[in-house]
Amino acid sequence: MIRKQEITTFEFPEGAVIWDVRDAKAFAEGHVKGAVNQPINDLSESSLTQVDSDQTIYILCGGGSKAPRAAELLEGIDDSRDYVVLMGGTRAARDAGLPIEQ
């Protein structure tokens, strides 16, 4: 199931699985603290084997256009999982003062 959540009003649960689906260059320029780079073009069934099947995967990008596409792609691979698209992406997180790492 895919849900959407505004990143600026979201509190990340402890141990959250956060996937930033931008390319490696954009990810390196700044990403939400705790996010792991999983470029949208590399998402596959093997990507999902890295995460326990009962864990929610939180997905974001730079501004909010790639994350929904990535969630749809992942749901097509495994529709039994929960995916949350963090709307607004890294730009909205930065603008809201959330921790950004480089």
PDB file of N, CA and C in Angstrom:
ATOM      1  N   MET A   1       0.833  -1.172   0.000  1.00  0.00           N
ATOM      2  CA  MET A   1       0.000   0.000   0.000  1.00  0.00           C
ATOM      3  C   MET A   1       0.886   1.246   0.000  1.00  0.00           C
ATOM      4  N   ILE A   2       0.496   2.225  -0.789  1.00  0.00           N
ATOM      5  CA  ILE A   2       1.232   3.485  -0.859  1.00  0.00           C
ATOM      6  C   ILE A   2       0.444   4.561  -0.118  1.00  0.00           C
ATOM      7  N   ARG A   3       1.118   5.227   0.789  1.00  0.00           N
ATOM      8  CA  ARG A   3       0.532   6.377   1.480  1.00  0.00           C
ATOM      9  C   ARG A   3       1.411   7.591   1.202  1.00  0.00           C
ATOM     10  N   LYS A   4       0.856   8.764   1.404  1.00  0.00           N
ATOM     11  CA  LYS A   4       1.622   9.997   1.239  1.00  0.00           C
ATOM     12  C   LYS A   4       1.631  10.761   2.549  1.00  0.00           C
ATOM     13  N   GLN A   5       2.759  11.400   2.819  1.00  0.00           N
ATOM     14  CA  GLN A   5       2.926  12.177   4.043  1.00  0.00           C
ATOM     15  C   GLN A   5       3.783  13.391   3.727  1.00  0.00           C
ATOM     16  N   GLU A   6       3.357  14.558   4.168  1.00  0.00           N
ATOM     17  CA  GLU A   6       4.187  15.759   3.997  1.00  0.00           C
ATOM     18  C   GLU A   6       5.433  15.603   4.852  1.00  0.00           C
ATOM     19  N   ILE A   7       6.594  15.790   4.264  1.00  0.00           N
ATOM     20  CA  ILE A   7       7.839  15.591   4.997  1.00  0.00           C
ATOM     21  C   ILE A   7       7.995  16.604   6.134  1.00  0.00           C
ATOM     22  N   THR A   8       7.435  17.789   5.962  1.00  0.00           N
ATOM     23  CA  THR A   8       7.618  18.838   6.973  1.00  0.00           C
ATOM     24  C   THR A   8       6.834  18.571   8.249  1.00  0.00           C
ATOM     25  N   THR A   9       5.835  17.687   8.209  1.00  0.00           N
ATOM     26  CA  THR A   9       5.047  17.377   9.401  1.00  0.00           C
ATOM     27  C   THR A   9       5.279  15.946   9.867  1.00  0.00           C
ATOM     28  N   PHE A  10       6.286  15.309   9.328  1.00  0.00           N
ATOM     29  CA  PHE A  10       6.537  13.903   9.605  1.00  0.00           C
ATOM     30  C   PHE A  10       7.643  13.747  10.640  1.00  0.00           C
ATOM     31  N   GLU A  11       7.426  12.837  11.582  1.00  0.00           N
ATOM     32  CA  GLU A  11       8.469  12.476  12.537  1.00  0.00           C
ATOM     33  C   GLU A  11       8.913  11.060  12.218  1.00  0.00           C
ATOM     34  N   PHE A  12      10.180  10.925  11.871  1.00  0.00           N
ATOM     35  CA  PHE A  12      10.704   9.615  11.482  1.00  0.00           C
ATOM     36  C   PHE A  12      10.734   8.684  12.688  1.00  0.00           C
ATOM     37  N   PRO A  13      10.139   7.503  12.558  1.00  0.00           N
ATOM     38  CA  PRO A  13      10.225   6.543  13.658  1.00  0.00           C
ATOM     39  C   PRO A  13      11.657   6.039  13.818  1.00  0.00           C
ATOM     40  N   GLU A  14      11.983   5.610  15.005  1.00  0.00           N
ATOM     41  CA  GLU A  14      13.318   5.054  15.265  1.00  0.00           C
ATOM     42  C   GLU A  14      13.567   3.878  14.330  1.00  0.00           C
ATOM     43  N   GLY A  15      14.724   3.864  13.696  1.00  0.00           N
ATOM     44  CA  GLY A  15      15.091   2.773  12.806  1.00  0.00           C
ATOM     45  C   GLY A  15      14.358   2.775  11.476  1.00  0.00           C
ATOM     46  N   ALA A  16      13.783   3.911  11.098  1.00  0.00           N
ATOM     47  CA  ALA A  16      13.031   4.003   9.844  1.00  0.00           C
ATOM     48  C   ALA A  16      13.926   3.700   8.653  1.00  0.00           C
ATOM     49  N   VAL A  17      13.361   3.026   7.664  1.00  0.00           N
ATOM     50  CA  VAL A  17      14.047   2.756   6.399  1.00  0.00           C
ATOM     51  C   VAL A  17      13.653   3.886   5.452  1.00  0.00           C
ATOM     52  N   ILE A  18      14.616   4.762   5.152  1.00  0.00           N
ATOM     53  CA  ILE A  18      14.359   5.939   4.320  1.00  0.00           C
ATOM     54  C   ILE A  18      15.198   5.814   3.054  1.00  0.00           C
ATOM     55  N   TRP A  19      14.528   5.740   1.924  1.00  0.00           N
ATOM     56  CA  TRP A  19      15.221   5.625   0.643  1.00  0.00           C
ATOM     57  C   TRP A  19      15.092   6.928  -0.126  1.00  0.00           C
ATOM     58  N   ASP A  20      16.241   7.483  -0.475  1.00  0.00           N
ATOM     59  CA  ASP A  20      16.310   8.666  -1.335  1.00  0.00           C
ATOM     60  C   ASP A  20      16.569   8.139  -2.741  1.00  0.00           C
ATOM     61  N   VAL A  21      15.630   8.374  -3.652  1.00  0.00           N
ATOM     62  CA  VAL A  21      15.689   7.733  -4.967  1.00  0.00           C
ATOM     63  C   VAL A  21      16.343   8.604  -6.046  1.00  0.00           C
ATOM     64  N   ARG A  22      17.029   9.677  -5.626  1.00  0.00           N
ATOM     65  CA  ARG A  22      17.756  10.497  -6.604  1.00  0.00           C
ATOM     66  C   ARG A  22      19.061   9.807  -6.987  1.00  0.00           C
ATOM     67  N   ASP A  23      19.737  10.346  -8.006  1.00  0.00           N
ATOM     68  CA  ASP A  23      21.021   9.765  -8.397  1.00  0.00           C
ATOM     69  C   ASP A  23      22.080  10.076  -7.331  1.00  0.00           C
ATOM     70  N   ALA A  24      23.200   9.379  -7.410  1.00  0.00           N
ATOM     71  CA  ALA A  24      24.238   9.477  -6.382  1.00  0.00           C
ATOM     72  C   ALA A  24      24.784  10.897  -6.234  1.00  0.00           C
ATOM     73  N   LYS A  25      24.910  11.629  -7.328  1.00  0.00           N
ATOM     74  CA  LYS A  25      25.439  12.998  -7.271  1.00  0.00           C
ATOM     75  C   LYS A  25      24.505  13.903  -6.469  1.00  0.00           C
ATOM     76  N   ALA A  26      23.214  13.860  -6.770  1.00  0.00           N
ATOM     77  CA  ALA A  26      22.244  14.682  -6.044  1.00  0.00           C
ATOM     78  C   ALA A  26      22.187  14.279  -4.576  1.00  0.00           C
ATOM     79  N   PHE A  27      22.250  12.984  -4.309  1.00  0.00           N
ATOM     80  CA  PHE A  27      22.229  12.493  -2.934  1.00  0.00           C
ATOM     81  C   PHE A  27      23.429  13.037  -2.154  1.00  0.00           C
ATOM     82  N   ALA A  28      24.608  13.000  -2.774  1.00  0.00           N
ATOM     83  CA  ALA A  28      25.829  13.463  -2.110  1.00  0.00           C
ATOM     84  C   ALA A  28      25.794  14.956  -1.810  1.00  0.00           C
ATOM     85  N   GLU A  29      25.045  15.714  -2.591  1.00  0.00           N
ATOM     86  CA  GLU A  29      24.965  17.161  -2.378  1.00  0.00           C
ATOM     87  C   GLU A  29      24.136  17.518  -1.147  1.00  0.00           C
ATOM     88  N   GLY A  30      23.362  16.581  -0.639  1.00  0.00           N
ATOM     89  CA  GLY A  30      22.591  16.810   0.572  1.00  0.00           C
ATOM     90  C   GLY A  30      21.368  15.926   0.618  1.00  0.00           C
ATOM     91  N   HIS A  31      21.179  15.253   1.758  1.00  0.00           N
ATOM     92  CA  HIS A  31      20.049  14.340   1.913  1.00  0.00           C
ATOM     93  C   HIS A  31      19.561  14.365   3.357  1.00  0.00           C
ATOM     94  N   VAL A  32      18.355  13.914   3.553  1.00  0.00           N
ATOM     95  CA  VAL A  32      17.766  13.847   4.881  1.00  0.00           C
ATOM     96  C   VAL A  32      18.591  12.894   5.742  1.00  0.00           C
ATOM     97  N   LYS A  33      18.816  13.289   6.982  1.00  0.00           N
ATOM     98  CA  LYS A  33      19.590  12.457   7.893  1.00  0.00           C
ATOM     99  C   LYS A  33      18.977  11.064   7.993  1.00  0.00           C
ATOM    100  N   GLY A  34      19.814  10.055   7.826  1.00  0.00           N
ATOM    101  CA  GLY A  34      19.376   8.674   7.926  1.00  0.00           C
ATOM    102  C   GLY A  34      18.945   8.045   6.615  1.00  0.00           C
ATOM    103  N   ALA A  35      18.852   8.842   5.558  1.00  0.00           N
ATOM    104  CA  ALA A  35      18.428   8.308   4.263  1.00  0.00           C
ATOM    105  C   ALA A  35      19.547   7.495   3.616  1.00  0.00           C
ATOM    106  N   VAL A  36      19.135   6.488   2.855  1.00  0.00           N
ATOM    107  CA  VAL A  36      20.053   5.643   2.089  1.00  0.00           C
ATOM    108  C   VAL A  36      19.774   5.904   0.620  1.00  0.00           C
ATOM    109  N   ASN A  37      20.836   6.007  -0.169  1.00  0.00           N
ATOM    110  CA  ASN A  37      20.660   6.254  -1.601  1.00  0.00           C
ATOM    111  C   ASN A  37      20.266   4.966  -2.313  1.00  0.00           C
ATOM    112  N   GLN A  38      19.086   4.992  -2.929  1.00  0.00           N
ATOM    113  CA  GLN A  38      18.570   3.882  -3.733  1.00  0.00           C
ATOM    114  C   GLN A  38      18.033   4.500  -5.025  1.00  0.00           C
ATOM    115  N   PRO A  39      18.913   4.824  -5.981  1.00  0.00           N
ATOM    116  CA  PRO A  39      18.460   5.496  -7.206  1.00  0.00           C
ATOM    117  C   PRO A  39      17.290   4.772  -7.877  1.00  0.00           C
ATOM    118  N   ILE A  40      16.328   5.536  -8.337  1.00  0.00           N
ATOM    119  CA  ILE A  40      15.113   4.978  -8.933  1.00  0.00           C
ATOM    120  C   ILE A  40      15.431   4.011 -10.072  1.00  0.00           C
ATOM    121  N   ASN A  41      16.466   4.303 -10.852  1.00  0.00           N
ATOM    122  CA  ASN A  41      16.814   3.439 -11.988  1.00  0.00           C
ATOM    123  C   ASN A  41      17.396   2.098 -11.557  1.00  0.00           C
ATOM    124  N   ASP A  42      17.790   1.985 -10.275  1.00  0.00           N
ATOM    125  CA  ASP A  42      18.388   0.749  -9.775  1.00  0.00           C
ATOM    126  C   ASP A  42      17.421  -0.083  -8.934  1.00  0.00           C
ATOM    127  N   LEU A  43      16.221   0.412  -8.708  1.00  0.00           N
ATOM    128  CA  LEU A  43      15.272  -0.318  -7.865  1.00  0.00           C
ATOM    129  C   LEU A  43      14.856  -1.620  -8.527  1.00  0.00           C
ATOM    130  N   SER A  44      14.862  -2.682  -7.721  1.00  0.00           N
ATOM    131  CA  SER A  44      14.521  -4.003  -8.243  1.00  0.00           C
ATOM    132  C   SER A  44      14.070  -4.888  -7.081  1.00  0.00           C
ATOM    133  N   GLU A  45      13.736  -6.104  -7.412  1.00  0.00           N
ATOM    134  CA  GLU A  45      13.353  -7.060  -6.377  1.00  0.00           C
ATOM    135  C   GLU A  45      14.478  -7.254  -5.369  1.00  0.00           C
ATOM    136  N   SER A  46      15.719  -7.228  -5.837  1.00  0.00           N
ATOM    137  CA  SER A  46      16.842  -7.407  -4.911  1.00  0.00           C
ATOM    138  C   SER A  46      16.987  -6.217  -3.960  1.00  0.00           C
ATOM    139  N   SER A  47      16.552  -5.032  -4.376  1.00  0.00           N
ATOM    140  CA  SER A  47      16.562  -3.881  -3.468  1.00  0.00           C
ATOM    141  C   SER A  47      15.699  -4.167  -2.251  1.00  0.00           C
ATOM    142  N   LEU A  48      14.560  -4.788  -2.481  1.00  0.00           N
ATOM    143  CA  LEU A  48      13.620  -5.064  -1.392  1.00  0.00           C
ATOM    144  C   LEU A  48      14.112  -6.141  -0.445  1.00  0.00           C
ATOM    145  N   THR A  49      15.014  -7.001  -0.888  1.00  0.00           N
ATOM    146  CA  THR A  49      15.524  -8.052  -0.004  1.00  0.00           C
ATOM    147  C   THR A  49      16.386  -7.472   1.115  1.00  0.00           C
ATOM    148  N   GLN A  50      16.791  -6.208   0.996  1.00  0.00           N
ATOM    149  CA  GLN A  50      17.602  -5.556   2.021  1.00  0.00           C
ATOM    150  C   GLN A  50      16.769  -5.124   3.228  1.00  0.00           C
ATOM    151  N   VAL A  51      15.445  -5.180   3.095  1.00  0.00           N
ATOM    152  CA  VAL A  51      14.540  -4.659   4.123  1.00  0.00           C
ATOM    153  C   VAL A  51      13.576  -5.755   4.538  1.00  0.00           C
ATOM    154  N   ASP A  52      13.396  -5.928   5.850  1.00  0.00           N
ATOM    155  CA  ASP A  52      12.423  -6.900   6.337  1.00  0.00           C
ATOM    156  C   ASP A  52      11.054  -6.599   5.734  1.00  0.00           C
ATOM    157  N   SER A  53      10.312  -7.629   5.402  1.00  0.00           N
ATOM    158  CA  SER A  53       9.037  -7.450   4.706  1.00  0.00           C
ATOM    159  C   SER A  53       7.986  -6.719   5.537  1.00  0.00           C
ATOM    160  N   ASP A  54       8.150  -6.685   6.867  1.00  0.00           N
ATOM    161  CA  ASP A  54       7.175  -5.988   7.701  1.00  0.00           C
ATOM    162  C   ASP A  54       7.561  -4.537   7.986  1.00  0.00           C
ATOM    163  N   GLN A  55       8.710  -4.081   7.464  1.00  0.00           N
ATOM    164  CA  GLN A  55       9.142  -2.698   7.669  1.00  0.00           C
ATOM    165  C   GLN A  55       8.578  -1.791   6.582  1.00  0.00           C
ATOM    166  N   THR A  56       8.104  -0.626   7.005  1.00  0.00           N
ATOM    167  CA  THR A  56       7.654   0.393   6.057  1.00  0.00           C
ATOM    168  C   THR A  56       8.875   1.021   5.400  1.00  0.00           C
ATOM    169  N   ILE A  57       8.776   1.278   4.107  1.00  0.00           N
ATOM    170  CA  ILE A  57       9.851   1.969   3.390  1.00  0.00           C
ATOM    171  C   ILE A  57       9.369   3.387   3.100  1.00  0.00           C
ATOM    172  N   TYR A  58      10.119   4.367   3.615  1.00  0.00           N
ATOM    173  CA  TYR A  58       9.823   5.781   3.396  1.00  0.00           C
ATOM    174  C   TYR A  58      10.640   6.238   2.199  1.00  0.00           C
ATOM    175  N   ILE A  59       9.992   6.856   1.222  1.00  0.00           N
ATOM    176  CA  ILE A  59      10.637   7.191  -0.046  1.00  0.00           C
ATOM    177  C   ILE A  59      10.566   8.688  -0.280  1.00  0.00           C
ATOM    178  N   LEU A  60      11.719   9.272  -0.640  1.00  0.00           N
ATOM    179  CA  LEU A  60      11.737  10.679  -0.992  1.00  0.00           C
ATOM    180  C   LEU A  60      12.720  10.932  -2.117  1.00  0.00           C
ATOM    181  N   CYS A  61      12.633  12.134  -2.674  1.00  0.00           N
ATOM    182  CA  CYS A  61      13.529  12.568  -3.739  1.00  0.00           C
ATOM    183  C   CYS A  61      13.882  14.023  -3.465  1.00  0.00           C
ATOM    184  N   GLY A  62      14.193  14.763  -4.482  1.00  0.00           N
ATOM    185  CA  GLY A  62      14.570  16.156  -4.292  1.00  0.00           C
ATOM    186  C   GLY A  62      13.388  17.068  -4.033  1.00  0.00           C
ATOM    187  N   GLY A  63      12.351  16.918  -4.849  1.00  0.00           N
ATOM    188  CA  GLY A  63      11.219  17.820  -4.715  1.00  0.00           C
ATOM    189  C   GLY A  63       9.873  17.140  -4.724  1.00  0.00           C
ATOM    190  N   GLY A  64       9.838  15.869  -5.008  1.00  0.00           N
ATOM    191  CA  GLY A  64       8.570  15.163  -4.929  1.00  0.00           C
ATOM    192  C   GLY A  64       8.068  14.536  -6.206  1.00  0.00           C
ATOM    193  N   SER A  65       8.853  14.554  -7.297  1.00  0.00           N
ATOM    194  CA  SER A  65       8.347  13.959  -8.543  1.00  0.00           C
ATOM    195  C   SER A  65       8.783  12.502  -8.720  1.00  0.00           C
ATOM    196  N   LYS A  66       9.996  12.155  -8.308  1.00  0.00           N
ATOM    197  CA  LYS A  66      10.482  10.783  -8.491  1.00  0.00           C
ATOM    198  C   LYS A  66       9.959   9.826  -7.427  1.00  0.00           C
ATOM    199  N   ALA A  67       9.743  10.309  -6.227  1.00  0.00           N
ATOM    200  CA  ALA A  67       9.339   9.421  -5.128  1.00  0.00           C
ATOM    201  C   ALA A  67       8.025   8.696  -5.406  1.00  0.00           C
ATOM    202  N   PRO A  68       6.974   9.366  -5.894  1.00  0.00           N
ATOM    203  CA  PRO A  68       5.738   8.629  -6.195  1.00  0.00           C
ATOM    204  C   PRO A  68       5.938   7.564  -7.277  1.00  0.00           C
ATOM    205  N   ARG A  69       6.755   7.883  -8.283  1.00  0.00           N
ATOM    206  CA  ARG A  69       7.035   6.892  -9.341  1.00  0.00           C
ATOM    207  C   ARG A  69       7.780   5.690  -8.766  1.00  0.00           C
ATOM    208  N   ALA A  70       8.732   5.966  -7.863  1.00  0.00           N
ATOM    209  CA  ALA A  70       9.496   4.885  -7.238  1.00  0.00           C
ATOM    210  C   ALA A  70       8.582   3.996  -6.395  1.00  0.00           C
ATOM    211  N   ALA A  71       7.664   4.612  -5.660  1.00  0.00           N
ATOM    212  CA  ALA A  71       6.736   3.839  -4.838  1.00  0.00           C
ATOM    213  C   ALA A  71       5.857   2.943  -5.712  1.00  0.00           C
ATOM    214  N   GLU A  72       5.390   3.468  -6.837  1.00  0.00           N
ATOM    215  CA  GLU A  72       4.570   2.667  -7.749  1.00  0.00           C
ATOM    216  C   GLU A  72       5.378   1.504  -8.326  1.00  0.00           C
ATOM    217  N   LEU A  73       6.632   1.764  -8.669  1.00  0.00           N
ATOM    218  CA  LEU A  73       7.505   0.715  -9.185  1.00  0.00           C
ATOM    219  C   LEU A  73       7.696  -0.378  -8.138  1.00  0.00           C
ATOM    220  N   LEU A  74       7.978   0.032  -6.894  1.00  0.00           N
ATOM    221  CA  LEU A  74       8.195  -0.942  -5.826  1.00  0.00           C
ATOM    222  C   LEU A  74       6.920  -1.715  -5.507  1.00  0.00           C
ATOM    223  N   GLU A  75       5.789  -1.042  -5.533  1.00  0.00           N
ATOM    224  CA  GLU A  75       4.532  -1.730  -5.271  1.00  0.00           C
ATOM    225  C   GLU A  75       4.244  -2.756  -6.365  1.00  0.00           C
ATOM    226  N   GLY A  76       4.669  -2.447  -7.585  1.00  0.00           N
ATOM    227  CA  GLY A  76       4.528  -3.411  -8.680  1.00  0.00           C
ATOM    228  C   GLY A  76       5.374  -4.652  -8.463  1.00  0.00           C
ATOM    229  N   ILE A  77       6.470  -4.509  -7.758  1.00  0.00           N
ATOM    230  CA  ILE A  77       7.341  -5.643  -7.450  1.00  0.00           C
ATOM    231  C   ILE A  77       6.792  -6.432  -6.263  1.00  0.00           C
ATOM    232  N   ASP A  78       6.361  -5.710  -5.207  1.00  0.00           N
ATOM    233  CA  ASP A  78       5.840  -6.354  -3.995  1.00  0.00           C
ATOM    234  C   ASP A  78       4.739  -5.483  -3.407  1.00  0.00           C
ATOM    235  N   ASP A  79       3.498  -5.854  -3.682  1.00  0.00           N
ATOM    236  CA  ASP A  79       2.373  -5.045  -3.214  1.00  0.00           C
ATOM    237  C   ASP A  79       1.924  -5.391  -1.795  1.00  0.00           C
ATOM    238  N   SER A  80       2.633  -6.292  -1.131  1.00  0.00           N
ATOM    239  CA  SER A  80       2.283  -6.635   0.249  1.00  0.00           C
ATOM    240  C   SER A  80       2.963  -5.708   1.255  1.00  0.00           C
ATOM    241  N   ARG A  81       3.857  -4.879   0.788  1.00  0.00           N
ATOM    242  CA  ARG A  81       4.607  -3.976   1.676  1.00  0.00           C
ATOM    243  C   ARG A  81       3.919  -2.624   1.805  1.00  0.00           C
ATOM    244  N   ASP A  82       4.346  -1.878   2.839  1.00  0.00           N
ATOM    245  CA  ASP A  82       3.873  -0.507   3.032  1.00  0.00           C
ATOM    246  C   ASP A  82       4.954   0.458   2.567  1.00  0.00           C
ATOM    247  N   TYR A  83       4.547   1.405   1.730  1.00  0.00           N
ATOM    248  CA  TYR A  83       5.438   2.442   1.223  1.00  0.00           C
ATOM    249  C   TYR A  83       4.829   3.794   1.578  1.00  0.00           C
ATOM    250  N   VAL A  84       5.668   4.712   2.047  1.00  0.00           N
ATOM    251  CA  VAL A  84       5.205   6.060   2.354  1.00  0.00           C
ATOM    252  C   VAL A  84       6.035   7.037   1.536  1.00  0.00           C
ATOM    253  N   VAL A  85       5.365   7.806   0.691  1.00  0.00           N
ATOM    254  CA  VAL A  85       6.021   8.835  -0.107  1.00  0.00           C
ATOM    255  C   VAL A  85       6.075  10.102   0.739  1.00  0.00           C
ATOM    256  N   LEU A  86       7.281  10.606   0.961  1.00  0.00           N
ATOM    257  CA  LEU A  86       7.472  11.828   1.744  1.00  0.00           C
ATOM    258  C   LEU A  86       7.416  13.020   0.798  1.00  0.00           C
ATOM    259  N   MET A  87       6.256  13.636   0.747  1.00  0.00           N
ATOM    260  CA  MET A  87       5.976  14.717  -0.194  1.00  0.00           C
ATOM    261  C   MET A  87       6.799  15.966   0.133  1.00  0.00           C
ATOM    262  N   GLY A  88       7.292  16.599  -0.913  1.00  0.00           N
ATOM    263  CA  GLY A  88       8.105  17.797  -0.765  1.00  0.00           C
ATOM    264  C   GLY A  88       9.587  17.495  -0.843  1.00  0.00           C
ATOM    265  N   GLY A  89       9.960  16.287  -0.499  1.00  0.00           N
ATOM    266  CA  GLY A  89      11.331  15.822  -0.649  1.00  0.00           C
ATOM    267  C   GLY A  89      12.361  16.585   0.152  1.00  0.00           C
ATOM    268  N   THR A  90      13.594  16.447  -0.289  1.00  0.00           N
ATOM    269  CA  THR A  90      14.733  17.028   0.411  1.00  0.00           C
ATOM    270  C   THR A  90      14.664  18.551   0.457  1.00  0.00           C
ATOM    271  N   ARG A  91      14.190  19.182  -0.616  1.00  0.00           N
ATOM    272  CA  ARG A  91      14.090  20.651  -0.615  1.00  0.00           C
ATOM    273  C   ARG A  91      13.156  21.149   0.479  1.00  0.00           C
ATOM    274  N   ALA A  92      12.007  20.524   0.611  1.00  0.00           N
ATOM    275  CA  ALA A  92      11.060  20.931   1.652  1.00  0.00           C
ATOM    276  C   ALA A  92      11.635  20.664   3.040  1.00  0.00           C
ATOM    277  N   ALA A  93      12.351  19.547   3.189  1.00  0.00           N
ATOM    278  CA  ALA A  93      12.978  19.239   4.480  1.00  0.00           C
ATOM    279  C   ALA A  93      14.013  20.304   4.838  1.00  0.00           C
ATOM    280  N   ARG A  94      14.840  20.672   3.870  1.00  0.00           N
ATOM    281  CA  ARG A  94      15.856  21.709   4.094  1.00  0.00           C
ATOM    282  C   ARG A  94      15.191  23.024   4.461  1.00  0.00           C
ATOM    283  N   ASP A  95      14.156  23.409   3.708  1.00  0.00           N
ATOM    284  CA  ASP A  95      13.454  24.661   3.968  1.00  0.00           C
ATOM    285  C   ASP A  95      12.803  24.681   5.351  1.00  0.00           C
ATOM    286  N   ALA A  96      12.415  23.503   5.838  1.00  0.00           N
ATOM    287  CA  ALA A  96      11.765  23.410   7.152  1.00  0.00           C
ATOM    288  C   ALA A  96      12.765  23.293   8.291  1.00  0.00           C
ATOM    289  N   GLY A  97      14.060  23.223   7.952  1.00  0.00           N
ATOM    290  CA  GLY A  97      15.093  23.156   8.982  1.00  0.00           C
ATOM    291  C   GLY A  97      15.377  21.764   9.502  1.00  0.00           C
ATOM    292  N   LEU A  98      14.912  20.736   8.779  1.00  0.00           N
ATOM    293  CA  LEU A  98      15.221  19.377   9.192  1.00  0.00           C
ATOM    294  C   LEU A  98      16.702  19.087   8.930  1.00  0.00           C
ATOM    295  N   PRO A  99      17.290  18.142   9.691  1.00  0.00           N
ATOM    296  CA  PRO A  99      18.719  17.839   9.523  1.00  0.00           C
ATOM    297  C   PRO A  99      19.031  17.290   8.132  1.00  0.00           C
ATOM    298  N   ILE A 100      19.995  17.931   7.463  1.00  0.00           N
ATOM    299  CA  ILE A 100      20.446  17.511   6.138  1.00  0.00           C
ATOM    300  C   ILE A 100      21.932  17.146   6.249  1.00  0.00           C
ATOM    301  N   GLU A 101      22.294  16.002   5.684  1.00  0.00           N
ATOM    302  CA  GLU A 101      23.683  15.557   5.685  1.00  0.00           C
ATOM    303  C   GLU A 101      24.268  15.662   4.290  1.00  0.00           C
ATOM    304  N   GLN A 102      25.597  15.791   4.220  1.00  0.00           N
ATOM    305  CA  GLN A 102      26.298  15.787   2.929  1.00  0.00           C
ATOM    306  C   GLN A 102      27.349  14.726   2.912  1.00  0.00           C
TER     307      GLN A 102
END
